[in-house]
Amino acid sequence: MAYEEKPDSGVLFPNSRKQKDTHPDYTGRGNYGGVEFEISAWKRVSPSGQPRLSIAFKKPYVKPSRPADDIGDNWW
């Protein structure tokens, strides 16, 4: 059985594809009020020296689909 997130919750995993400091340390998915979103988080240190996570939310990436009739004459 596939993992299914509970309503109004999310999950973060360490970002195994991080290549630059600007890439998030953690990535994941969540939902709130039935709206799906992607989560990114970066490990930071507050001005007082306390560790914290900076979090960003965005709409999930949807790979654009290419209509069958848009292939063109020379598709091979």
PDB file of N, CA and C in Angstrom:
ATOM      1  N   MET A   1       0.838  -1.182   0.000  1.00  0.00           N
ATOM      2  CA  MET A   1       0.000   0.000   0.000  1.00  0.00           C
ATOM      3  C   MET A   1       0.884   1.247   0.000  1.00  0.00           C
ATOM      4  N   ALA A   2       0.600   2.192  -0.867  1.00  0.00           N
ATOM      5  CA  ALA A   2       1.395   3.416  -0.989  1.00  0.00           C
ATOM      6  C   ALA A   2       1.149   4.328   0.206  1.00  0.00           C
ATOM      7  N   TYR A   3       2.191   5.096   0.534  1.00  0.00           N
ATOM      8  CA  TYR A   3       2.088   6.050   1.631  1.00  0.00           C
ATOM      9  C   TYR A   3       1.143   7.171   1.234  1.00  0.00           C
ATOM     10  N   GLU A   4       0.232   7.515   2.122  1.00  0.00           N
ATOM     11  CA  GLU A   4      -0.689   8.606   1.866  1.00  0.00           C
ATOM     12  C   GLU A   4      -0.623   9.576   3.030  1.00  0.00           C
ATOM     13  N   GLU A   5      -0.406  10.849   2.726  1.00  0.00           N
ATOM     14  CA  GLU A   5      -0.302  11.853   3.771  1.00  0.00           C
ATOM     15  C   GLU A   5      -1.653  12.075   4.431  1.00  0.00           C
ATOM     16  N   LYS A   6      -1.609  12.349   5.722  1.00  0.00           N
ATOM     17  CA  LYS A   6      -2.819  12.694   6.452  1.00  0.00           C
ATOM     18  C   LYS A   6      -3.215  14.112   6.082  1.00  0.00           C
ATOM     19  N   PRO A   7      -4.501  14.435   6.172  1.00  0.00           N
ATOM     20  CA  PRO A   7      -4.932  15.806   5.863  1.00  0.00           C
ATOM     21  C   PRO A   7      -4.208  16.818   6.752  1.00  0.00           C
ATOM     22  N   ASP A   8      -3.917  17.971   6.181  1.00  0.00           N
ATOM     23  CA  ASP A   8      -3.283  19.086   6.903  1.00  0.00           C
ATOM     24  C   ASP A   8      -1.959  18.691   7.538  1.00  0.00           C
ATOM     25  N   SER A   9      -1.129  17.988   6.767  1.00  0.00           N
ATOM     26  CA  SER A   9       0.188  17.587   7.260  1.00  0.00           C
ATOM     27  C   SER A   9       1.162  17.515   6.086  1.00  0.00           C
ATOM     28  N   GLY A  10       2.409  17.230   6.395  1.00  0.00           N
ATOM     29  CA  GLY A  10       3.415  17.115   5.358  1.00  0.00           C
ATOM     30  C   GLY A  10       4.583  16.295   5.846  1.00  0.00           C
ATOM     31  N   VAL A  11       5.569  16.108   4.971  1.00  0.00           N
ATOM     32  CA  VAL A  11       6.738  15.309   5.306  1.00  0.00           C
ATOM     33  C   VAL A  11       7.955  15.928   4.613  1.00  0.00           C
ATOM     34  N   LEU A  12       9.103  15.936   5.314  1.00  0.00           N
ATOM     35  CA  LEU A  12      10.358  16.434   4.765  1.00  0.00           C
ATOM     36  C   LEU A  12      11.407  15.339   4.825  1.00  0.00           C
ATOM     37  N   PHE A  13      12.262  15.288   3.803  1.00  0.00           N
ATOM     38  CA  PHE A  13      13.363  14.341   3.739  1.00  0.00           C
ATOM     39  C   PHE A  13      14.645  15.107   3.444  1.00  0.00           C
ATOM     40  N   PRO A  14      15.794  14.613   3.886  1.00  0.00           N
ATOM     41  CA  PRO A  14      17.051  15.251   3.504  1.00  0.00           C
ATOM     42  C   PRO A  14      17.171  15.292   1.977  1.00  0.00           C
ATOM     43  N   ASN A  15      17.653  16.405   1.457  1.00  0.00           N
ATOM     44  CA  ASN A  15      17.783  16.586   0.015  1.00  0.00           C
ATOM     45  C   ASN A  15      19.062  15.908  -0.468  1.00  0.00           C
ATOM     46  N   SER A  16      18.939  14.737  -1.037  1.00  0.00           N
ATOM     47  CA  SER A  16      20.098  13.972  -1.513  1.00  0.00           C
ATOM     48  C   SER A  16      20.664  14.541  -2.818  1.00  0.00           C
ATOM     49  N   ARG A  17      19.945  15.488  -3.451  1.00  0.00           N
ATOM     50  CA  ARG A  17      20.410  16.073  -4.709  1.00  0.00           C
ATOM     51  C   ARG A  17      20.960  17.485  -4.531  1.00  0.00           C
ATOM     52  N   LYS A  18      21.213  17.907  -3.302  1.00  0.00           N
ATOM     53  CA  LYS A  18      21.731  19.246  -3.049  1.00  0.00           C
ATOM     54  C   LYS A  18      23.131  19.372  -3.630  1.00  0.00           C
ATOM     55  N   GLN A  19      23.340  20.409  -4.466  1.00  0.00           N
ATOM     56  CA  GLN A  19      24.638  20.646  -5.091  1.00  0.00           C
ATOM     57  C   GLN A  19      25.204  22.023  -4.764  1.00  0.00           C
ATOM     58  N   LYS A  20      24.356  22.969  -4.367  1.00  0.00           N
ATOM     59  CA  LYS A  20      24.768  24.333  -4.048  1.00  0.00           C
ATOM     60  C   LYS A  20      24.205  24.724  -2.689  1.00  0.00           C
ATOM     61  N   ASP A  21      24.816  25.734  -2.067  1.00  0.00           N
ATOM     62  CA  ASP A  21      24.305  26.225  -0.785  1.00  0.00           C
ATOM     63  C   ASP A  21      22.886  26.769  -0.899  1.00  0.00           C
ATOM     64  N   THR A  22      22.517  27.227  -2.091  1.00  0.00           N
ATOM     65  CA  THR A  22      21.181  27.778  -2.280  1.00  0.00           C
ATOM     66  C   THR A  22      20.106  26.693  -2.384  1.00  0.00           C
ATOM     67  N   HIS A  23      20.494  25.451  -2.653  1.00  0.00           N
ATOM     68  CA  HIS A  23      19.529  24.351  -2.713  1.00  0.00           C
ATOM     69  C   HIS A  23      19.054  24.025  -1.300  1.00  0.00           C
ATOM     70  N   PRO A  24      17.792  23.620  -1.148  1.00  0.00           N
ATOM     71  CA  PRO A  24      17.286  23.315   0.198  1.00  0.00           C
ATOM     72  C   PRO A  24      17.978  22.106   0.828  1.00  0.00           C
ATOM     73  N   ASP A  25      18.068  22.133   2.162  1.00  0.00           N
ATOM     74  CA  ASP A  25      18.624  21.002   2.907  1.00  0.00           C
ATOM     75  C   ASP A  25      17.603  19.865   3.010  1.00  0.00           C
ATOM     76  N   TYR A  26      16.321  20.220   3.006  1.00  0.00           N
ATOM     77  CA  TYR A  26      15.234  19.245   3.094  1.00  0.00           C
ATOM     78  C   TYR A  26      14.178  19.593   2.047  1.00  0.00           C
ATOM     79  N   THR A  27      13.546  18.573   1.487  1.00  0.00           N
ATOM     80  CA  THR A  27      12.439  18.776   0.556  1.00  0.00           C
ATOM     81  C   THR A  27      11.335  17.783   0.883  1.00  0.00           C
ATOM     82  N   GLY A  28      10.126  18.106   0.473  1.00  0.00           N
ATOM     83  CA  GLY A  28       9.013  17.204   0.722  1.00  0.00           C
ATOM     84  C   GLY A  28       7.724  17.740   0.148  1.00  0.00           C
ATOM     85  N   ARG A  29       6.639  17.132   0.599  1.00  0.00           N
ATOM     86  CA  ARG A  29       5.300  17.491   0.127  1.00  0.00           C
ATOM     87  C   ARG A  29       4.367  17.582   1.308  1.00  0.00           C
ATOM     88  N   GLY A  30       3.279  18.295   1.111  1.00  0.00           N
ATOM     89  CA  GLY A  30       2.275  18.411   2.150  1.00  0.00           C
ATOM     90  C   GLY A  30       0.958  18.839   1.556  1.00  0.00           C
ATOM     91  N   ASN A  31      -0.021  18.972   2.427  1.00  0.00           N
ATOM     92  CA  ASN A  31      -1.315  19.502   1.997  1.00  0.00           C
ATOM     93  C   ASN A  31      -1.946  20.234   3.169  1.00  0.00           C
ATOM     94  N   TYR A  32      -2.733  21.210   2.835  1.00  0.00           N
ATOM     95  CA  TYR A  32      -3.477  21.957   3.851  1.00  0.00           C
ATOM     96  C   TYR A  32      -4.804  22.349   3.237  1.00  0.00           C
ATOM     97  N   GLY A  33      -5.861  21.976   3.882  1.00  0.00           N
ATOM     98  CA  GLY A  33      -7.189  22.276   3.363  1.00  0.00           C
ATOM     99  C   GLY A  33      -7.442  21.630   2.014  1.00  0.00           C
ATOM    100  N   GLY A  34      -6.805  20.489   1.760  1.00  0.00           N
ATOM    101  CA  GLY A  34      -6.984  19.781   0.500  1.00  0.00           C
ATOM    102  C   GLY A  34      -6.124  20.306  -0.634  1.00  0.00           C
ATOM    103  N   VAL A  35      -5.276  21.306  -0.364  1.00  0.00           N
ATOM    104  CA  VAL A  35      -4.402  21.876  -1.382  1.00  0.00           C
ATOM    105  C   VAL A  35      -3.011  21.272  -1.235  1.00  0.00           C
ATOM    106  N   GLU A  36      -2.511  20.651  -2.309  1.00  0.00           N
ATOM    107  CA  GLU A  36      -1.189  20.030  -2.302  1.00  0.00           C
ATOM    108  C   GLU A  36      -0.124  21.095  -2.531  1.00  0.00           C
ATOM    109  N   PHE A  37       1.049  20.934  -1.921  1.00  0.00           N
ATOM    110  CA  PHE A  37       2.157  21.848  -2.130  1.00  0.00           C
ATOM    111  C   PHE A  37       3.472  21.143  -1.891  1.00  0.00           C
ATOM    112  N   GLU A  38       4.555  21.729  -2.405  1.00  0.00           N
ATOM    113  CA  GLU A  38       5.912  21.244  -2.170  1.00  0.00           C
ATOM    114  C   GLU A  38       6.510  22.083  -1.048  1.00  0.00           C
ATOM    115  N   ILE A  39       7.350  21.454  -0.229  1.00  0.00           N
ATOM    116  CA  ILE A  39       7.997  22.129   0.881  1.00  0.00           C
ATOM    117  C   ILE A  39       9.508  22.072   0.674  1.00  0.00           C
ATOM    118  N   SER A  40      10.174  23.192   0.906  1.00  0.00           N
ATOM    119  CA  SER A  40      11.635  23.249   0.902  1.00  0.00           C
ATOM    120  C   SER A  40      12.062  23.869   2.220  1.00  0.00           C
ATOM    121  N   ALA A  41      13.161  23.368   2.812  1.00  0.00           N
ATOM    122  CA  ALA A  41      13.637  23.904   4.082  1.00  0.00           C
ATOM    123  C   ALA A  41      15.153  23.998   4.087  1.00  0.00           C
ATOM    124  N   TRP A  42      15.665  25.089   4.667  1.00  0.00           N
ATOM    125  CA  TRP A  42      17.096  25.332   4.780  1.00  0.00           C
ATOM    126  C   TRP A  42      17.467  25.458   6.246  1.00  0.00           C
ATOM    127  N   LYS A  43      18.568  24.839   6.640  1.00  0.00           N
ATOM    128  CA  LYS A  43      19.081  24.983   8.000  1.00  0.00           C
ATOM    129  C   LYS A  43      19.741  26.353   8.105  1.00  0.00           C
ATOM    130  N   ARG A  44      19.357  27.115   9.105  1.00  0.00           N
ATOM    131  CA  ARG A  44      19.899  28.450   9.331  1.00  0.00           C
ATOM    132  C   ARG A  44      20.219  28.622  10.809  1.00  0.00           C
ATOM    133  N   VAL A  45      20.870  29.735  11.133  1.00  0.00           N
ATOM    134  CA  VAL A  45      21.149  30.105  12.522  1.00  0.00           C
ATOM    135  C   VAL A  45      20.605  31.512  12.726  1.00  0.00           C
ATOM    136  N   SER A  46      19.809  31.706  13.755  1.00  0.00           N
ATOM    137  CA  SER A  46      19.222  33.016  14.035  1.00  0.00           C
ATOM    138  C   SER A  46      20.312  33.983  14.511  1.00  0.00           C
ATOM    139  N   PRO A  47      20.031  35.284  14.505  1.00  0.00           N
ATOM    140  CA  PRO A  47      21.024  36.257  14.979  1.00  0.00           C
ATOM    141  C   PRO A  47      21.482  36.001  16.419  1.00  0.00           C
ATOM    142  N   SER A  48      20.630  35.375  17.217  1.00  0.00           N
ATOM    143  CA  SER A  48      21.007  35.066  18.598  1.00  0.00           C
ATOM    144  C   SER A  48      21.764  33.749  18.708  1.00  0.00           C
ATOM    145  N   GLY A  49      22.005  33.067  17.560  1.00  0.00           N
ATOM    146  CA  GLY A  49      22.773  31.826  17.558  1.00  0.00           C
ATOM    147  C   GLY A  49      21.953  30.558  17.670  1.00  0.00           C
ATOM    148  N   GLN A  50      20.629  30.674  17.667  1.00  0.00           N
ATOM    149  CA  GLN A  50      19.761  29.505  17.773  1.00  0.00           C
ATOM    150  C   GLN A  50      19.559  28.856  16.398  1.00  0.00           C
ATOM    151  N   PRO A  51      19.642  27.529  16.302  1.00  0.00           N
ATOM    152  CA  PRO A  51      19.371  26.866  15.020  1.00  0.00           C
ATOM    153  C   PRO A  51      17.889  26.991  14.675  1.00  0.00           C
ATOM    154  N   ARG A  52      17.615  27.101  13.389  1.00  0.00           N
ATOM    155  CA  ARG A  52      16.224  27.196  12.929  1.00  0.00           C
ATOM    156  C   ARG A  52      16.130  26.652  11.513  1.00  0.00           C
ATOM    157  N   LEU A  53      14.910  26.450  11.049  1.00  0.00           N
ATOM    158  CA  LEU A  53      14.645  26.058   9.671  1.00  0.00           C
ATOM    159  C   LEU A  53      13.889  27.193   8.982  1.00  0.00           C
ATOM    160  N   SER A  54      14.343  27.558   7.803  1.00  0.00           N
ATOM    161  CA  SER A  54      13.638  28.512   6.959  1.00  0.00           C
ATOM    162  C   SER A  54      12.868  27.682   5.942  1.00  0.00           C
ATOM    163  N   ILE A  55      11.556  27.910   5.834  1.00  0.00           N
ATOM    164  CA  ILE A  55      10.697  27.042   5.032  1.00  0.00           C
ATOM    165  C   ILE A  55      10.012  27.828   3.916  1.00  0.00           C
ATOM    166  N   ALA A  56       9.897  27.203   2.743  1.00  0.00           N
ATOM    167  CA  ALA A  56       9.180  27.783   1.608  1.00  0.00           C
ATOM    168  C   ALA A  56       8.168  26.768   1.090  1.00  0.00           C
ATOM    169  N   PHE A  57       7.039  27.274   0.618  1.00  0.00           N
ATOM    170  CA  PHE A  57       5.981  26.447   0.048  1.00  0.00           C
ATOM    171  C   PHE A  57       5.727  26.904  -1.384  1.00  0.00           C
ATOM    172  N   LYS A  58       5.439  25.945  -2.270  1.00  0.00           N
ATOM    173  CA  LYS A  58       5.072  26.305  -3.643  1.00  0.00           C
ATOM    174  C   LYS A  58       4.149  25.238  -4.211  1.00  0.00           C
ATOM    175  N   LYS A  59       3.491  25.597  -5.306  1.00  0.00           N
ATOM    176  CA  LYS A  59       2.618  24.639  -5.983  1.00  0.00           C
ATOM    177  C   LYS A  59       3.461  23.491  -6.514  1.00  0.00           C
ATOM    178  N   PRO A  60       2.937  22.270  -6.509  1.00  0.00           N
ATOM    179  CA  PRO A  60       3.703  21.130  -7.030  1.00  0.00           C
ATOM    180  C   PRO A  60       4.039  21.291  -8.509  1.00  0.00           C
ATOM    181  N   TYR A  61       5.218  20.799  -8.881  1.00  0.00           N
ATOM    182  CA  TYR A  61       5.628  20.811 -10.285  1.00  0.00           C
ATOM    183  C   TYR A  61       4.782  19.809 -11.054  1.00  0.00           C
ATOM    184  N   VAL A  62       4.268  20.250 -12.179  1.00  0.00           N
ATOM    185  CA  VAL A  62       3.517  19.368 -13.069  1.00  0.00           C
ATOM    186  C   VAL A  62       4.226  19.384 -14.410  1.00  0.00           C
ATOM    187  N   LYS A  63       4.701  18.221 -14.828  1.00  0.00           N
ATOM    188  CA  LYS A  63       5.410  18.125 -16.099  1.00  0.00           C
ATOM    189  C   LYS A  63       4.444  18.453 -17.233  1.00  0.00           C
ATOM    190  N   PRO A  64       4.815  19.413 -18.093  1.00  0.00           N
ATOM    191  CA  PRO A  64       3.920  19.769 -19.204  1.00  0.00           C
ATOM    192  C   PRO A  64       3.718  18.575 -20.129  1.00  0.00           C
ATOM    193  N   SER A  65       2.497  18.388 -20.538  1.00  0.00           N
ATOM    194  CA  SER A  65       2.223  17.291 -21.471  1.00  0.00           C
ATOM    195  C   SER A  65       2.229  17.852 -22.887  1.00  0.00           C
ATOM    196  N   ARG A  66       2.626  17.019 -23.807  1.00  0.00           N
ATOM    197  CA  ARG A  66       2.699  17.417 -25.213  1.00  0.00           C
ATOM    198  C   ARG A  66       1.543  16.769 -25.951  1.00  0.00           C
ATOM    199  N   PRO A  67       0.653  17.581 -26.506  1.00  0.00           N
ATOM    200  CA  PRO A  67      -0.490  16.995 -27.224  1.00  0.00           C
ATOM    201  C   PRO A  67      -0.037  16.102 -28.372  1.00  0.00           C
ATOM    202  N   ALA A  68      -0.771  15.033 -28.628  1.00  0.00           N
ATOM    203  CA  ALA A  68      -0.424  14.068 -29.678  1.00  0.00           C
ATOM    204  C   ALA A  68      -0.406  14.713 -31.054  1.00  0.00           C
ATOM    205  N   ASP A  69      -1.281  15.685 -31.297  1.00  0.00           N
ATOM    206  CA  ASP A  69      -1.334  16.305 -32.616  1.00  0.00           C
ATOM    207  C   ASP A  69      -0.268  17.390 -32.789  1.00  0.00           C
ATOM    208  N   ASP A  70       0.560  17.635 -31.767  1.00  0.00           N
ATOM    209  CA  ASP A  70       1.609  18.646 -31.835  1.00  0.00           C
ATOM    210  C   ASP A  70       2.973  18.026 -32.116  1.00  0.00           C
ATOM    211  N   ILE A  71       3.012  16.779 -32.558  1.00  0.00           N
ATOM    212  CA  ILE A  71       4.267  16.078 -32.808  1.00  0.00           C
ATOM    213  C   ILE A  71       4.935  16.619 -34.076  1.00  0.00           C
ATOM    214  N   GLY A  72       4.177  16.964 -35.064  1.00  0.00           N
ATOM    215  CA  GLY A  72       4.746  17.501 -36.295  1.00  0.00           C
ATOM    216  C   GLY A  72       4.950  16.434 -37.354  1.00  0.00           C
ATOM    217  N   ASP A  73       5.420  16.848 -38.513  1.00  0.00           N
ATOM    218  CA  ASP A  73       5.597  15.923 -39.636  1.00  0.00           C
ATOM    219  C   ASP A  73       6.818  15.037 -39.480  1.00  0.00           C
ATOM    220  N   ASN A  74       7.880  15.545 -38.877  1.00  0.00           N
ATOM    221  CA  ASN A  74       9.139  14.798 -38.785  1.00  0.00           C
ATOM    222  C   ASN A  74       9.375  14.325 -37.347  1.00  0.00           C
ATOM    223  N   TRP A  75       8.508  13.576 -36.816  1.00  0.00           N
ATOM    224  CA  TRP A  75       8.626  13.141 -35.414  1.00  0.00           C
ATOM    225  C   TRP A  75       9.581  11.986 -35.218  1.00  0.00           C
ATOM    226  N   TRP A  76       9.992  11.312 -36.249  1.00  0.00           N
ATOM    227  CA  TRP A  76      10.925  10.188 -36.100  1.00  0.00           C
ATOM    228  C   TRP A  76      12.280  10.705 -36.300  1.00  0.00           C
TER     229      TRP A  76
END
